[in-house]
């Protein structure tokens, strides 16, 4: 299944909770989307999330249902290691 990085921009500081994360995961399951992890900016207003999903459209549907922004969605298939080598994701 393809991998995607999602940039999300929030109007106010995001304060994550286990309950909110569980709700997002329930929504994601309905459209075969899997949230792997996220990075949170220092100001708490942006996240960069790695997802596994069948398509960009599935991510958009899940984000809409969960009430989350999905400002930029980019498909990725490799990561660059500090050694300069490429490694497939997954």
C-alpha atoms as a PDB file:
ATOM      1  CA  UNK A   1       0.000   0.000   0.000  1.00  0.00           C
ATOM      2  CA  UNK A   2       1.348   3.515  -0.776  1.00  0.00           C
ATOM      3  CA  UNK A   3       2.690   5.906   1.862  1.00  0.00           C
ATOM      4  CA  UNK A   4       1.863   9.597   2.151  1.00  0.00           C
ATOM      5  CA  UNK A   5       3.119  12.585   4.135  1.00  0.00           C
ATOM      6  CA  UNK A   6       0.338  14.965   5.139  1.00  0.00           C
ATOM      7  CA  UNK A   7       0.937  18.540   6.229  1.00  0.00           C
ATOM      8  CA  UNK A   8      -1.847  19.828   8.457  1.00  0.00           C
ATOM      9  CA  UNK A   9      -2.173  23.490   9.507  1.00  0.00           C
ATOM     10  CA  UNK A  10      -4.294  24.408  12.512  1.00  0.00           C
ATOM     11  CA  UNK A  11      -5.693  27.837  13.433  1.00  0.00           C
ATOM     12  CA  UNK A  12      -4.900  27.206  17.102  1.00  0.00           C
ATOM     13  CA  UNK A  13      -2.399  25.099  19.012  1.00  0.00           C
ATOM     14  CA  UNK A  14      -3.140  21.389  18.724  1.00  0.00           C
ATOM     15  CA  UNK A  15      -3.422  19.621  22.063  1.00  0.00           C
ATOM     16  CA  UNK A  16      -3.451  15.893  21.244  1.00  0.00           C
ATOM     17  CA  UNK A  17      -5.197  13.422  23.533  1.00  0.00           C
ATOM     18  CA  UNK A  18      -5.471   9.631  23.524  1.00  0.00           C
ATOM     19  CA  UNK A  19      -9.241   9.981  23.029  1.00  0.00           C
ATOM     20  CA  UNK A  20      -8.865  12.201  19.970  1.00  0.00           C
ATOM     21  CA  UNK A  21      -6.266   9.845  18.478  1.00  0.00           C
ATOM     22  CA  UNK A  22      -8.572   6.873  19.033  1.00  0.00           C
ATOM     23  CA  UNK A  23     -11.370   8.726  17.234  1.00  0.00           C
ATOM     24  CA  UNK A  24      -9.117   9.480  14.262  1.00  0.00           C
ATOM     25  CA  UNK A  25      -8.071   5.837  14.099  1.00  0.00           C
ATOM     26  CA  UNK A  26     -11.706   4.685  14.081  1.00  0.00           C
ATOM     27  CA  UNK A  27     -12.509   6.996  11.168  1.00  0.00           C
ATOM     28  CA  UNK A  28      -9.375   5.871   9.319  1.00  0.00           C
ATOM     29  CA  UNK A  29     -10.334   2.194   9.608  1.00  0.00           C
ATOM     30  CA  UNK A  30     -13.533   2.856   7.663  1.00  0.00           C
ATOM     31  CA  UNK A  31     -11.568   3.913   4.563  1.00  0.00           C
ATOM     32  CA  UNK A  32      -8.557   1.564   4.945  1.00  0.00           C
ATOM     33  CA  UNK A  33      -6.194   4.363   6.029  1.00  0.00           C
ATOM     34  CA  UNK A  34      -3.484   3.829   8.653  1.00  0.00           C
ATOM     35  CA  UNK A  35      -1.846   6.632  10.639  1.00  0.00           C
ATOM     36  CA  UNK A  36       1.752   5.641  11.394  1.00  0.00           C
ATOM     37  CA  UNK A  37       3.043   8.693  13.288  1.00  0.00           C
ATOM     38  CA  UNK A  38       3.166  12.486  13.276  1.00  0.00           C
ATOM     39  CA  UNK A  39       5.602  15.275  14.048  1.00  0.00           C
ATOM     40  CA  UNK A  40       4.246  18.367  15.826  1.00  0.00           C
ATOM     41  CA  UNK A  41       5.768  21.817  15.219  1.00  0.00           C
ATOM     42  CA  UNK A  42       7.130  23.783  18.184  1.00  0.00           C
ATOM     43  CA  UNK A  43       4.197  26.215  18.038  1.00  0.00           C
ATOM     44  CA  UNK A  44       1.725  23.299  18.018  1.00  0.00           C
ATOM     45  CA  UNK A  45      -0.038  24.571  14.892  1.00  0.00           C
ATOM     46  CA  UNK A  46       1.349  22.209  12.233  1.00  0.00           C
ATOM     47  CA  UNK A  47       1.721  18.475  11.978  1.00  0.00           C
ATOM     48  CA  UNK A  48       3.554  16.335   9.474  1.00  0.00           C
ATOM     49  CA  UNK A  49       2.033  12.866   9.428  1.00  0.00           C
ATOM     50  CA  UNK A  50       3.064   9.615   7.787  1.00  0.00           C
ATOM     51  CA  UNK A  51       0.110   7.564   6.586  1.00  0.00           C
ATOM     52  CA  UNK A  52      -0.405   4.335   4.682  1.00  0.00           C
ATOM     53  CA  UNK A  53      -3.452   4.474   2.411  1.00  0.00           C
ATOM     54  CA  UNK A  54      -4.775   3.180  -0.898  1.00  0.00           C
ATOM     55  CA  UNK A  55      -4.970   6.709  -2.373  1.00  0.00           C
ATOM     56  CA  UNK A  56      -4.857  10.444  -1.761  1.00  0.00           C
ATOM     57  CA  UNK A  57      -8.643  10.451  -2.053  1.00  0.00           C
ATOM     58  CA  UNK A  58      -8.945   7.963   0.836  1.00  0.00           C
ATOM     59  CA  UNK A  59      -6.826  10.290   2.985  1.00  0.00           C
ATOM     60  CA  UNK A  60      -8.984  13.278   2.035  1.00  0.00           C
ATOM     61  CA  UNK A  61     -12.158  11.358   2.911  1.00  0.00           C
ATOM     62  CA  UNK A  62     -10.761  10.265   6.287  1.00  0.00           C
ATOM     63  CA  UNK A  63      -9.537  13.784   7.097  1.00  0.00           C
ATOM     64  CA  UNK A  64     -12.910  15.291   6.217  1.00  0.00           C
ATOM     65  CA  UNK A  65     -14.797  12.757   8.338  1.00  0.00           C
ATOM     66  CA  UNK A  66     -12.426  13.322  11.274  1.00  0.00           C
ATOM     67  CA  UNK A  67     -12.658  17.106  10.923  1.00  0.00           C
ATOM     68  CA  UNK A  68      -8.932  17.438  10.255  1.00  0.00           C
ATOM     69  CA  UNK A  69      -7.147  19.621   7.724  1.00  0.00           C
ATOM     70  CA  UNK A  70      -5.098  17.929   5.004  1.00  0.00           C
ATOM     71  CA  UNK A  71      -3.391  20.907   3.390  1.00  0.00           C
ATOM     72  CA  UNK A  72      -0.639  19.120   1.478  1.00  0.00           C
ATOM     73  CA  UNK A  73      -0.618  15.392   0.706  1.00  0.00           C
ATOM     74  CA  UNK A  74       2.490  13.929  -0.919  1.00  0.00           C
ATOM     75  CA  UNK A  75       3.036  10.313  -1.896  1.00  0.00           C
ATOM     76  CA  UNK A  76       6.440   8.996  -0.782  1.00  0.00           C
ATOM     77  CA  UNK A  77       8.155   5.690  -1.441  1.00  0.00           C
ATOM     78  CA  UNK A  78      11.708   6.115  -0.125  1.00  0.00           C
ATOM     79  CA  UNK A  79      13.593   7.826   2.636  1.00  0.00           C
ATOM     80  CA  UNK A  80      17.097   9.237   2.542  1.00  0.00           C
ATOM     81  CA  UNK A  81      19.321   8.075   5.384  1.00  0.00           C
ATOM     82  CA  UNK A  82      22.065  10.248   6.934  1.00  0.00           C
ATOM     83  CA  UNK A  83      24.552   8.085   5.019  1.00  0.00           C
ATOM     84  CA  UNK A  84      23.092   9.368   1.742  1.00  0.00           C
ATOM     85  CA  UNK A  85      21.575   6.038   0.794  1.00  0.00           C
ATOM     86  CA  UNK A  86      17.979   5.527  -0.268  1.00  0.00           C
ATOM     87  CA  UNK A  87      15.802   3.023   1.542  1.00  0.00           C
ATOM     88  CA  UNK A  88      12.262   1.961   0.638  1.00  0.00           C
ATOM     89  CA  UNK A  89       9.574   2.796   3.179  1.00  0.00           C
ATOM     90  CA  UNK A  90       7.856  -0.187   4.708  1.00  0.00           C
END
